[in-house]
C-alpha atoms as a PDB file:
ATOM      1  CA  UNK A   1       0.020   0.006   0.005  1.00  0.00           C
ATOM      2  CA  UNK A   2       1.525   3.354  -1.018  1.00  0.00           C
ATOM      3  CA  UNK A   3       2.457   5.721   1.759  1.00  0.00           C
ATOM      4  CA  UNK A   4       0.358   8.899   1.954  1.00  0.00           C
ATOM      5  CA  UNK A   5       2.045  12.067   0.743  1.00  0.00           C
ATOM      6  CA  UNK A   6       3.233  14.198   3.624  1.00  0.00           C
ATOM      7  CA  UNK A   7       3.515  17.150   1.228  1.00  0.00           C
ATOM      8  CA  UNK A   8       1.248  17.629  -1.770  1.00  0.00           C
ATOM      9  CA  UNK A   9       2.418  18.440  -5.268  1.00  0.00           C
ATOM     10  CA  UNK A  10       0.893  21.865  -4.710  1.00  0.00           C
ATOM     11  CA  UNK A  11       3.227  22.353  -1.727  1.00  0.00           C
ATOM     12  CA  UNK A  12       6.168  21.360  -3.908  1.00  0.00           C
ATOM     13  CA  UNK A  13       5.215  23.776  -6.685  1.00  0.00           C
ATOM     14  CA  UNK A  14       4.776  26.646  -4.228  1.00  0.00           C
ATOM     15  CA  UNK A  15       8.240  25.924  -2.873  1.00  0.00           C
ATOM     16  CA  UNK A  16       9.543  25.793  -6.442  1.00  0.00           C
ATOM     17  CA  UNK A  17       8.231  29.311  -7.050  1.00  0.00           C
ATOM     18  CA  UNK A  18      10.086  30.589  -3.976  1.00  0.00           C
ATOM     19  CA  UNK A  19      13.330  28.852  -4.911  1.00  0.00           C
ATOM     20  CA  UNK A  20      13.147  29.994  -8.536  1.00  0.00           C
ATOM     21  CA  UNK A  21      12.742  33.587  -7.407  1.00  0.00           C
ATOM     22  CA  UNK A  22      15.706  33.412  -5.058  1.00  0.00           C
ATOM     23  CA  UNK A  23      18.039  31.209  -7.134  1.00  0.00           C
ATOM     24  CA  UNK A  24      16.915  31.539 -10.747  1.00  0.00           C
ATOM     25  CA  UNK A  25      16.116  28.765 -13.245  1.00  0.00           C
ATOM     26  CA  UNK A  26      19.762  27.799 -13.873  1.00  0.00           C
ATOM     27  CA  UNK A  27      21.190  27.699 -10.355  1.00  0.00           C
ATOM     28  CA  UNK A  28      18.343  25.991  -8.511  1.00  0.00           C
ATOM     29  CA  UNK A  29      18.443  22.256  -7.813  1.00  0.00           C
ATOM     30  CA  UNK A  30      16.006  19.585  -6.771  1.00  0.00           C
ATOM     31  CA  UNK A  31      17.807  19.573  -3.428  1.00  0.00           C
ATOM     32  CA  UNK A  32      16.993  23.287  -3.019  1.00  0.00           C
ATOM     33  CA  UNK A  33      13.279  22.642  -3.540  1.00  0.00           C
ATOM     34  CA  UNK A  34      13.339  19.502  -1.389  1.00  0.00           C
ATOM     35  CA  UNK A  35      14.906  21.464   1.470  1.00  0.00           C
ATOM     36  CA  UNK A  36      12.375  24.260   1.102  1.00  0.00           C
ATOM     37  CA  UNK A  37       9.363  21.924   1.195  1.00  0.00           C
ATOM     38  CA  UNK A  38      10.709  19.415   3.713  1.00  0.00           C
ATOM     39  CA  UNK A  39      11.088  16.358   1.466  1.00  0.00           C
ATOM     40  CA  UNK A  40      14.042  14.355   0.243  1.00  0.00           C
ATOM     41  CA  UNK A  41      15.428  14.947  -3.276  1.00  0.00           C
ATOM     42  CA  UNK A  42      14.668  11.301  -4.041  1.00  0.00           C
ATOM     43  CA  UNK A  43      10.986  11.948  -3.394  1.00  0.00           C
ATOM     44  CA  UNK A  44      10.979  14.769  -5.970  1.00  0.00           C
ATOM     45  CA  UNK A  45      12.686  12.480  -8.470  1.00  0.00           C
ATOM     46  CA  UNK A  46       9.939   9.905  -7.924  1.00  0.00           C
ATOM     47  CA  UNK A  47       7.232  12.527  -8.509  1.00  0.00           C
ATOM     48  CA  UNK A  48       8.694  14.731 -11.233  1.00  0.00           C
ATOM     49  CA  UNK A  49      11.561  12.737 -12.672  1.00  0.00           C
ATOM     50  CA  UNK A  50      14.074  15.512 -13.271  1.00  0.00           C
ATOM     51  CA  UNK A  51      14.654  19.197 -12.644  1.00  0.00           C
ATOM     52  CA  UNK A  52      13.188  19.841 -16.093  1.00  0.00           C
ATOM     53  CA  UNK A  53      10.113  17.780 -15.249  1.00  0.00           C
ATOM     54  CA  UNK A  54       9.618  19.938 -12.127  1.00  0.00           C
ATOM     55  CA  UNK A  55      10.014  23.128 -14.182  1.00  0.00           C
ATOM     56  CA  UNK A  56       7.405  21.980 -16.676  1.00  0.00           C
ATOM     57  CA  UNK A  57       4.972  21.083 -13.888  1.00  0.00           C
ATOM     58  CA  UNK A  58       5.591  24.465 -12.300  1.00  0.00           C
ATOM     59  CA  UNK A  59       4.974  26.294 -15.606  1.00  0.00           C
ATOM     60  CA  UNK A  60       1.763  24.347 -16.215  1.00  0.00           C
ATOM     61  CA  UNK A  61       0.385  25.158 -12.753  1.00  0.00           C
ATOM     62  CA  UNK A  62       1.410  28.820 -13.017  1.00  0.00           C
ATOM     63  CA  UNK A  63      -0.589  29.107 -16.243  1.00  0.00           C
ATOM     64  CA  UNK A  64      -3.604  27.429 -14.636  1.00  0.00           C
ATOM     65  CA  UNK A  65      -3.464  29.825 -11.678  1.00  0.00           C
ATOM     66  CA  UNK A  66      -2.695  32.957 -13.718  1.00  0.00           C
ATOM     67  CA  UNK A  67      -5.889  34.830 -12.748  1.00  0.00           C
ATOM     68  CA  UNK A  68      -5.803  33.958  -9.031  1.00  0.00           C
ATOM     69  CA  UNK A  69      -3.940  37.092  -7.954  1.00  0.00           C
ATOM     70  CA  UNK A  70      -6.046  39.476 -10.109  1.00  0.00           C
ATOM     71  CA  UNK A  71      -9.428  37.855  -9.557  1.00  0.00           C
ATOM     72  CA  UNK A  72      -9.070  36.442  -6.035  1.00  0.00           C
ATOM     73  CA  UNK A  73     -12.799  35.833  -5.648  1.00  0.00           C
ATOM     74  CA  UNK A  74     -13.574  35.569  -9.364  1.00  0.00           C
ATOM     75  CA  UNK A  75     -15.366  38.922  -9.548  1.00  0.00           C
ATOM     76  CA  UNK A  76     -13.897  41.942 -11.406  1.00  0.00           C
ATOM     77  CA  UNK A  77     -14.559  45.230  -9.643  1.00  0.00           C
ATOM     78  CA  UNK A  78     -13.028  47.952 -11.780  1.00  0.00           C
ATOM     79  CA  UNK A  79      -9.854  49.992 -12.077  1.00  0.00           C
ATOM     80  CA  UNK A  80      -9.370  50.861  -8.402  1.00  0.00           C
ATOM     81  CA  UNK A  81      -9.415  47.195  -7.465  1.00  0.00           C
ATOM     82  CA  UNK A  82      -7.204  46.259 -10.427  1.00  0.00           C
ATOM     83  CA  UNK A  83      -4.687  48.981  -9.532  1.00  0.00           C
ATOM     84  CA  UNK A  84      -4.550  47.796  -5.913  1.00  0.00           C
ATOM     85  CA  UNK A  85      -3.900  44.199  -7.003  1.00  0.00           C
ATOM     86  CA  UNK A  86      -1.257  45.130  -9.583  1.00  0.00           C
ATOM     87  CA  UNK A  87       0.547  47.385  -7.111  1.00  0.00           C
ATOM     88  CA  UNK A  88       0.489  44.622  -4.506  1.00  0.00           C
ATOM     89  CA  UNK A  89       1.892  42.184  -7.048  1.00  0.00           C
ATOM     90  CA  UNK A  90       4.672  44.634  -7.898  1.00  0.00           C
ATOM     91  CA  UNK A  91       5.504  45.089  -4.217  1.00  0.00           C
ATOM     92  CA  UNK A  92       5.648  41.313  -3.845  1.00  0.00           C
ATOM     93  CA  UNK A  93       8.563  41.301  -6.329  1.00  0.00           C
ATOM     94  CA  UNK A  94      10.723  42.289  -3.389  1.00  0.00           C
ATOM     95  CA  UNK A  95      14.289  43.183  -4.297  1.00  0.00           C
ATOM     96  CA  UNK A  96      15.667  43.776  -7.776  1.00  0.00           C
ATOM     97  CA  UNK A  97      17.622  40.501  -7.890  1.00  0.00           C
ATOM     98  CA  UNK A  98      14.283  38.679  -7.696  1.00  0.00           C
ATOM     99  CA  UNK A  99      13.227  40.564 -10.829  1.00  0.00           C
ATOM    100  CA  UNK A 100      16.453  39.464 -12.508  1.00  0.00           C
ATOM    101  CA  UNK A 101      15.649  35.817 -11.701  1.00  0.00           C
ATOM    102  CA  UNK A 102      12.085  36.239 -12.993  1.00  0.00           C
ATOM    103  CA  UNK A 103      13.474  37.647 -16.238  1.00  0.00           C
ATOM    104  CA  UNK A 104      15.863  34.695 -16.491  1.00  0.00           C
ATOM    105  CA  UNK A 105      12.818  32.401 -16.220  1.00  0.00           C
ATOM    106  CA  UNK A 106      11.059  34.437 -18.890  1.00  0.00           C
ATOM    107  CA  UNK A 107      14.033  33.951 -21.219  1.00  0.00           C
ATOM    108  CA  UNK A 108      13.707  30.196 -20.668  1.00  0.00           C
ATOM    109  CA  UNK A 109       9.994  30.465 -21.476  1.00  0.00           C
ATOM    110  CA  UNK A 110      10.814  32.213 -24.734  1.00  0.00           C
ATOM    111  CA  UNK A 111      13.651  29.850 -25.660  1.00  0.00           C
ATOM    112  CA  UNK A 112      12.104  26.509 -24.707  1.00  0.00           C
ATOM    113  CA  UNK A 113       9.326  25.190 -27.004  1.00  0.00           C
ATOM    114  CA  UNK A 114       7.800  23.160 -24.177  1.00  0.00           C
ATOM    115  CA  UNK A 115       7.737  25.997 -21.652  1.00  0.00           C
ATOM    116  CA  UNK A 116       6.561  28.609 -24.160  1.00  0.00           C
ATOM    117  CA  UNK A 117       2.918  27.450 -24.488  1.00  0.00           C
ATOM    118  CA  UNK A 118       2.455  27.654 -20.723  1.00  0.00           C
ATOM    119  CA  UNK A 119       3.960  31.152 -20.598  1.00  0.00           C
ATOM    120  CA  UNK A 120       1.732  32.250 -23.453  1.00  0.00           C
ATOM    121  CA  UNK A 121      -1.334  30.843 -21.690  1.00  0.00           C
ATOM    122  CA  UNK A 122      -0.317  32.665 -18.509  1.00  0.00           C
ATOM    123  CA  UNK A 123       0.000  35.979 -20.395  1.00  0.00           C
ATOM    124  CA  UNK A 124      -3.308  35.535 -22.203  1.00  0.00           C
ATOM    125  CA  UNK A 125      -5.241  34.645 -19.054  1.00  0.00           C
ATOM    126  CA  UNK A 126      -3.687  37.561 -17.207  1.00  0.00           C
ATOM    127  CA  UNK A 127      -4.788  39.900 -19.981  1.00  0.00           C
ATOM    128  CA  UNK A 128      -8.331  38.527 -19.808  1.00  0.00           C
ATOM    129  CA  UNK A 129      -8.429  39.190 -16.048  1.00  0.00           C
ATOM    130  CA  UNK A 130      -7.263  42.769 -16.607  1.00  0.00           C
ATOM    131  CA  UNK A 131      -9.852  43.186 -19.370  1.00  0.00           C
ATOM    132  CA  UNK A 132     -12.613  41.951 -17.027  1.00  0.00           C
ATOM    133  CA  UNK A 133     -11.717  44.669 -14.500  1.00  0.00           C
ATOM    134  CA  UNK A 134     -11.648  47.314 -17.241  1.00  0.00           C
ATOM    135  CA  UNK A 135     -15.082  46.255 -18.493  1.00  0.00           C
ATOM    136  CA  UNK A 136     -16.378  46.591 -14.933  1.00  0.00           C
ATOM    137  CA  UNK A 137     -14.783  50.055 -14.755  1.00  0.00           C
ATOM    138  CA  UNK A 138     -16.482  51.052 -18.018  1.00  0.00           C
ATOM    139  CA  UNK A 139     -19.894  49.835 -16.821  1.00  0.00           C
ATOM    140  CA  UNK A 140     -19.529  51.738 -13.554  1.00  0.00           C
ATOM    141  CA  UNK A 141     -18.389  54.932 -15.249  1.00  0.00           C
ATOM    142  CA  UNK A 142     -15.031  54.730 -13.498  1.00  0.00           C
ATOM    143  CA  UNK A 143     -13.332  54.936 -16.895  1.00  0.00           C
ATOM    144  CA  UNK A 144     -14.861  56.315 -20.115  1.00  0.00           C
ATOM    145  CA  UNK A 145     -14.204  55.988 -23.815  1.00  0.00           C
ATOM    146  CA  UNK A 146     -12.049  52.877 -23.572  1.00  0.00           C
ATOM    147  CA  UNK A 147     -11.733  49.733 -25.681  1.00  0.00           C
ATOM    148  CA  UNK A 148     -11.219  47.253 -22.800  1.00  0.00           C
ATOM    149  CA  UNK A 149      -9.437  44.560 -24.777  1.00  0.00           C
ATOM    150  CA  UNK A 150      -6.943  46.956 -26.330  1.00  0.00           C
ATOM    151  CA  UNK A 151      -6.349  48.885 -23.115  1.00  0.00           C
ATOM    152  CA  UNK A 152      -5.860  45.613 -21.204  1.00  0.00           C
ATOM    153  CA  UNK A 153      -3.075  44.651 -23.595  1.00  0.00           C
ATOM    154  CA  UNK A 154      -1.369  48.022 -23.152  1.00  0.00           C
ATOM    155  CA  UNK A 155      -1.854  48.072 -19.379  1.00  0.00           C
ATOM    156  CA  UNK A 156      -0.338  44.592 -19.074  1.00  0.00           C
ATOM    157  CA  UNK A 157       2.688  45.679 -21.132  1.00  0.00           C
ATOM    158  CA  UNK A 158       2.979  48.830 -19.018  1.00  0.00           C
ATOM    159  CA  UNK A 159       3.005  46.810 -15.794  1.00  0.00           C
ATOM    160  CA  UNK A 160       5.701  44.480 -17.087  1.00  0.00           C
ATOM    161  CA  UNK A 161       7.798  47.360 -18.342  1.00  0.00           C
ATOM    162  CA  UNK A 162       7.289  49.349 -15.138  1.00  0.00           C
ATOM    163  CA  UNK A 163       8.612  46.506 -13.007  1.00  0.00           C
ATOM    164  CA  UNK A 164      11.751  46.323 -15.142  1.00  0.00           C
ATOM    165  CA  UNK A 165      12.075  50.118 -15.044  1.00  0.00           C
ATOM    166  CA  UNK A 166      11.831  50.054 -11.258  1.00  0.00           C
ATOM    167  CA  UNK A 167      14.548  47.371 -11.047  1.00  0.00           C
ATOM    168  CA  UNK A 168      16.859  49.485 -13.193  1.00  0.00           C
ATOM    169  CA  UNK A 169      16.158  52.984 -11.860  1.00  0.00           C
ATOM    170  CA  UNK A 170      14.874  52.856  -8.294  1.00  0.00           C
ATOM    171  CA  UNK A 171      17.131  53.656  -5.359  1.00  0.00           C
ATOM    172  CA  UNK A 172      18.014  50.825  -3.009  1.00  0.00           C
ATOM    173  CA  UNK A 173      15.204  50.076  -0.581  1.00  0.00           C
ATOM    174  CA  UNK A 174      12.469  51.678  -2.727  1.00  0.00           C
ATOM    175  CA  UNK A 175       9.321  49.610  -3.214  1.00  0.00           C
ATOM    176  CA  UNK A 176       8.119  48.721  -6.689  1.00  0.00           C
ATOM    177  CA  UNK A 177       4.434  49.379  -5.941  1.00  0.00           C
ATOM    178  CA  UNK A 178       4.433  53.191  -5.876  1.00  0.00           C
ATOM    179  CA  UNK A 179       6.575  53.359  -9.025  1.00  0.00           C
ATOM    180  CA  UNK A 180       4.270  50.973 -10.903  1.00  0.00           C
ATOM    181  CA  UNK A 181       1.081  52.589  -9.593  1.00  0.00           C
ATOM    182  CA  UNK A 182       2.164  56.026 -10.777  1.00  0.00           C
ATOM    183  CA  UNK A 183       2.763  54.772 -14.325  1.00  0.00           C
ATOM    184  CA  UNK A 184      -0.544  52.908 -14.398  1.00  0.00           C
ATOM    185  CA  UNK A 185      -2.353  56.076 -13.292  1.00  0.00           C
ATOM    186  CA  UNK A 186      -0.630  58.096 -15.999  1.00  0.00           C
ATOM    187  CA  UNK A 187      -1.780  55.559 -18.571  1.00  0.00           C
ATOM    188  CA  UNK A 188      -5.460  55.701 -17.615  1.00  0.00           C
ATOM    189  CA  UNK A 189      -5.620  59.410 -16.739  1.00  0.00           C
ATOM    190  CA  UNK A 190      -7.119  60.410 -20.153  1.00  0.00           C
ATOM    191  CA  UNK A 191      -9.975  57.945 -19.580  1.00  0.00           C
ATOM    192  CA  UNK A 192     -11.072  59.339 -16.226  1.00  0.00           C
ATOM    193  CA  UNK A 193     -14.496  61.048 -16.280  1.00  0.00           C
ATOM    194  CA  UNK A 194     -12.955  64.259 -14.920  1.00  0.00           C
ATOM    195  CA  UNK A 195     -10.511  64.329 -17.843  1.00  0.00           C
ATOM    196  CA  UNK A 196     -13.364  63.802 -20.282  1.00  0.00           C
ATOM    197  CA  UNK A 197     -15.235  66.842 -19.009  1.00  0.00           C
ATOM    198  CA  UNK A 198     -12.206  69.171 -18.915  1.00  0.00           C
ATOM    199  CA  UNK A 199     -12.031  71.732 -21.755  1.00  0.00           C
ATOM    200  CA  UNK A 200      -8.975  71.357 -23.926  1.00  0.00           C
ATOM    201  CA  UNK A 201      -7.246  74.605 -24.950  1.00  0.00           C
ATOM    202  CA  UNK A 202      -6.534  74.778 -28.663  1.00  0.00           C
ATOM    203  CA  UNK A 203      -5.564  77.600 -31.002  1.00  0.00           C
ATOM    204  CA  UNK A 204      -8.783  79.210 -32.264  1.00  0.00           C
ATOM    205  CA  UNK A 205      -9.391  80.846 -35.614  1.00  0.00           C
ATOM    206  CA  UNK A 206      -9.745  84.551 -35.078  1.00  0.00           C
ATOM    207  CA  UNK A 207     -12.657  86.481 -36.515  1.00  0.00           C
ATOM    208  CA  UNK A 208     -13.167  90.184 -36.775  1.00  0.00           C
ATOM    209  CA  UNK A 209     -15.081  90.098 -33.450  1.00  0.00           C
ATOM    210  CA  UNK A 210     -12.571  87.935 -31.593  1.00  0.00           C
ATOM    211  CA  UNK A 211      -9.734  89.776 -29.854  1.00  0.00           C
ATOM    212  CA  UNK A 212      -6.206  88.455 -30.498  1.00  0.00           C
ATOM    213  CA  UNK A 213      -5.194  85.724 -28.027  1.00  0.00           C
ATOM    214  CA  UNK A 214      -8.790  84.654 -27.151  1.00  0.00           C
ATOM    215  CA  UNK A 215     -10.966  81.787 -28.358  1.00  0.00           C
ATOM    216  CA  UNK A 216     -14.728  81.762 -28.570  1.00  0.00           C
ATOM    217  CA  UNK A 217     -16.796  79.535 -26.295  1.00  0.00           C
ATOM    218  CA  UNK A 218     -18.058  77.568 -29.324  1.00  0.00           C
ATOM    219  CA  UNK A 219     -14.499  76.785 -30.427  1.00  0.00           C
ATOM    220  CA  UNK A 220     -13.628  75.573 -26.903  1.00  0.00           C
ATOM    221  CA  UNK A 221     -16.697  73.348 -26.874  1.00  0.00           C
ATOM    222  CA  UNK A 222     -15.841  71.864 -30.271  1.00  0.00           C
ATOM    223  CA  UNK A 223     -12.262  71.237 -29.163  1.00  0.00           C
ATOM    224  CA  UNK A 224     -13.466  69.401 -26.053  1.00  0.00           C
ATOM    225  CA  UNK A 225     -15.866  67.232 -28.111  1.00  0.00           C
ATOM    226  CA  UNK A 226     -13.165  66.401 -30.608  1.00  0.00           C
ATOM    227  CA  UNK A 227     -10.790  65.384 -27.815  1.00  0.00           C
ATOM    228  CA  UNK A 228     -13.479  63.165 -26.321  1.00  0.00           C
ATOM    229  CA  UNK A 229     -14.086  61.377 -29.628  1.00  0.00           C
ATOM    230  CA  UNK A 230     -10.383  60.779 -30.069  1.00  0.00           C
ATOM    231  CA  UNK A 231      -9.851  59.390 -26.584  1.00  0.00           C
ATOM    232  CA  UNK A 232     -10.067  55.704 -27.505  1.00  0.00           C
ATOM    233  CA  UNK A 233      -7.555  52.911 -27.330  1.00  0.00           C
ATOM    234  CA  UNK A 234      -6.304  51.400 -30.577  1.00  0.00           C
ATOM    235  CA  UNK A 235      -7.688  48.284 -32.249  1.00  0.00           C
END
């Protein structure tokens, strides 16, 4: 009769995530993961075969759980909630050497034809979770004039780039969250209702009755309407 598992595969994969972040995909060993989870390396060999087998299992589970951090209870609630979750995820990156190890794993995802489908699925599911929050924000009037699918793609790229920018530029000890949150807010600022209502100053055509340096109220109104129509994300 087989002995019951003292640690589940889920426990092992959670430990793998921690070890990968601290050691990177090249330096980590089965012994590192075994020590982190409290099992023997031989037990991991029995379950996953090799270090590569463990990496593939980890990548598969990460793709399956991609939306967990952004939709913790399965319900999208808009931009404020999305921003809070993305900032928290950035803060969870910790120190910049953890970002370096995550990027090393990403390079493996790009290079390896067996890892790549799982990384792609992770990215696509993450984008769908972001899009769900943006659709909720549009319905609630929290954001206006957006194409949720297109903005989700840009917002996801902005988050990824912001984390790398923080790792390169931030002073030692600075948290990633505030840096990332500021860039996210700059991205969505044109889609805020207050921005939609704000008149946009533009050069006005002067008439005989319009003093130099002034614009008529009708020209200001037309400029604001034109800005509103143009405030859409790309296809």
